[in-house]
């Protein structure tokens, strides 16, 4: 089930990330696709949470074939961004993927607690879009050679 969900995500990115777009737009589109994929698949978020509670017993095996397909595409986007002077040359792709995943997944893992804490309805698409924009600014401020607002 995990592998199937990861493959669904990879397919969603193929449809939403234009091959001829600049690397910074491709990276933003990829993050945006991941965020909305999580928003639209709460059972996947719960499954990932359950897998985490079980110390990732199956997640690594499920991710291997997906990573073989997805990571080179992400590396290509980042490499082109570095070559074009858009992204810092010292980016660590593994840590960047962990950071993006943690920021996006954290919203949905903690949705109910955050709703009670901040009194925001995190099921409201406008609130989710504002949250996503914040995540994008945060990430791009960290990976761009010259951060912009």
Protein backbone atom coordinates (compact mmCIF):
# COMPACT_ATOMS: atom_id res chain seq x y z
CA UNK A 1 0.00 0.00 0.00
CA UNK A 2 2.85 2.38 0.84
CA UNK A 3 4.59 1.68 -2.43
CA UNK A 4 1.36 2.21 -4.37
CA UNK A 5 0.82 5.59 -2.68
CA UNK A 6 4.41 6.67 -3.37
CA UNK A 7 3.97 5.69 -7.03
CA UNK A 8 0.73 7.70 -7.18
CA UNK A 9 2.67 10.71 -5.91
CA UNK A 10 5.41 10.23 -8.53
CA UNK A 11 2.76 10.08 -11.26
CA UNK A 12 1.11 13.24 -9.89
CA UNK A 13 4.43 15.09 -10.09
CA UNK A 14 4.93 14.08 -13.71
CA UNK A 15 1.64 15.74 -14.58
CA UNK A 16 2.23 18.90 -12.54
CA UNK A 17 5.91 19.75 -13.02
CA UNK A 18 6.56 21.15 -16.51
CA UNK A 19 9.83 19.80 -17.97
CA UNK A 20 10.66 23.10 -19.69
CA UNK A 21 10.06 25.34 -16.67
CA UNK A 22 12.94 27.01 -14.81
CA UNK A 23 14.37 24.90 -11.94
CA UNK A 24 12.99 27.16 -9.21
CA UNK A 25 9.47 26.85 -10.64
CA UNK A 26 9.91 23.07 -11.00
CA UNK A 27 11.02 22.80 -7.37
CA UNK A 28 8.07 24.92 -6.21
CA UNK A 29 5.67 22.85 -8.31
CA UNK A 30 7.09 19.66 -6.83
CA UNK A 31 6.64 20.92 -3.26
CA UNK A 32 3.17 22.21 -4.09
CA UNK A 33 2.21 18.82 -5.57
CA UNK A 34 3.51 16.97 -2.50
CA UNK A 35 1.65 19.28 -0.11
CA UNK A 36 -1.69 18.95 -1.94
CA UNK A 37 -1.16 15.21 -2.41
CA UNK A 38 -0.94 14.92 1.39
CA UNK A 39 -3.98 17.19 1.82
CA UNK A 40 -6.04 15.05 -0.55
CA UNK A 41 -4.86 11.70 0.86
CA UNK A 42 -5.36 11.75 4.64
CA UNK A 43 -5.26 7.94 4.77
CA UNK A 44 -1.72 8.09 3.34
CA UNK A 45 -0.73 10.59 6.04
CA UNK A 46 -2.15 8.25 8.70
CA UNK A 47 -0.38 5.29 7.11
CA UNK A 48 2.94 7.15 7.22
CA UNK A 49 2.28 8.05 10.87
CA UNK A 50 1.51 4.44 11.68
CA UNK A 51 4.66 3.32 9.89
CA UNK A 52 6.67 5.83 11.92
CA UNK A 53 5.22 4.41 15.13
CA UNK A 54 6.38 0.99 13.94
CA UNK A 55 9.91 2.37 13.45
CA UNK A 56 9.64 2.41 9.66
CA UNK A 57 9.63 -1.38 9.39
CA UNK A 58 8.19 -1.39 5.85
CA UNK A 59 8.66 2.19 4.71
CA UNK A 60 12.31 1.79 3.66
CA UNK A 61 11.56 -1.23 1.48
CA UNK A 62 8.57 0.54 -0.05
CA UNK A 63 10.61 3.66 -0.75
CA UNK A 64 13.58 1.97 -2.48
CA UNK A 65 12.00 1.58 -5.95
CA UNK A 66 10.26 4.93 -5.66
CA UNK A 67 13.45 6.71 -4.66
CA UNK A 68 15.21 5.15 -7.64
CA UNK A 69 12.66 6.89 -9.90
CA UNK A 70 12.05 10.13 -8.02
CA UNK A 71 15.37 11.18 -6.51
CA UNK A 72 17.26 11.50 -9.84
CA UNK A 73 14.53 13.85 -11.11
CA UNK A 74 14.83 15.98 -7.97
CA UNK A 75 18.62 15.93 -8.25
CA UNK A 76 18.30 17.09 -11.85
CA UNK A 77 16.11 20.02 -10.88
CA UNK A 78 18.50 21.05 -8.11
CA UNK A 79 21.61 20.58 -10.29
CA UNK A 80 20.14 22.77 -13.02
CA UNK A 81 19.26 25.36 -10.37
CA UNK A 82 22.85 25.32 -9.07
CA UNK A 83 24.27 25.55 -12.62
CA UNK A 84 22.02 28.55 -13.33
CA UNK A 85 23.06 30.24 -10.08
CA UNK A 86 19.56 30.02 -8.59
CA UNK A 87 20.33 27.54 -5.79
CA UNK A 88 23.21 27.27 -3.36
CA UNK A 89 25.94 24.87 -4.48
CA UNK A 90 26.20 23.24 -1.05
CA UNK A 91 22.67 21.80 -0.99
CA UNK A 92 22.39 18.30 0.46
CA UNK A 93 19.54 16.66 -1.41
CA UNK A 94 18.81 14.11 1.32
CA UNK A 95 18.51 16.76 4.01
CA UNK A 96 16.48 19.01 1.73
CA UNK A 97 14.03 16.18 1.00
CA UNK A 98 13.80 15.45 4.76
CA UNK A 99 13.16 19.12 5.47
CA UNK A 100 10.46 19.55 2.84
CA UNK A 101 8.82 16.30 3.87
CA UNK A 102 8.93 17.24 7.54
CA UNK A 103 7.41 20.66 6.95
CA UNK A 104 4.62 19.42 4.70
CA UNK A 105 3.84 16.19 6.50
CA UNK A 106 3.97 17.94 9.88
CA UNK A 107 1.03 20.12 8.90
CA UNK A 108 -1.16 17.09 8.26
CA UNK A 109 0.18 14.92 11.09
CA UNK A 110 -0.57 17.67 13.59
CA UNK A 111 -3.64 19.13 11.87
CA UNK A 112 -6.08 18.60 14.74
CA UNK A 113 -3.71 19.74 17.47
CA UNK A 114 -2.70 22.80 15.48
CA UNK A 115 -6.35 23.62 14.83
CA UNK A 116 -7.00 23.64 18.55
CA UNK A 117 -3.82 25.57 19.32
CA UNK A 118 -4.09 28.28 16.65
CA UNK A 119 -7.86 28.18 16.05
CA UNK A 120 -7.33 27.87 12.31
CA UNK A 121 -9.37 25.45 10.27
CA UNK A 122 -6.60 23.54 8.53
CA UNK A 123 -9.15 21.80 6.35
CA UNK A 124 -9.99 25.16 4.76
CA UNK A 125 -8.25 25.34 1.35
CA UNK A 126 -7.44 29.05 1.87
CA UNK A 127 -5.71 28.30 5.19
CA UNK A 128 -3.85 25.40 3.59
CA UNK A 129 -2.75 27.58 0.67
CA UNK A 130 -1.45 30.25 3.07
CA UNK A 131 0.42 27.53 4.97
CA UNK A 132 1.90 26.19 1.75
CA UNK A 133 3.02 29.67 0.69
CA UNK A 134 4.77 30.06 4.05
CA UNK A 135 6.53 26.70 3.58
CA UNK A 136 7.63 27.69 0.06
CA UNK A 137 9.06 31.00 1.28
CA UNK A 138 10.86 29.25 4.11
CA UNK A 139 12.38 26.60 1.83
CA UNK A 140 13.35 28.98 -0.96
CA UNK A 141 14.88 31.45 1.49
CA UNK A 142 17.17 28.61 2.51
CA UNK A 143 18.13 27.20 -0.89
CA UNK A 144 18.37 30.26 -3.14
CA UNK A 145 21.71 31.92 -3.70
CA UNK A 146 20.06 35.29 -3.13
CA UNK A 147 16.92 34.84 -1.00
CA UNK A 148 13.95 36.92 -2.03
CA UNK A 149 10.72 37.60 -0.22
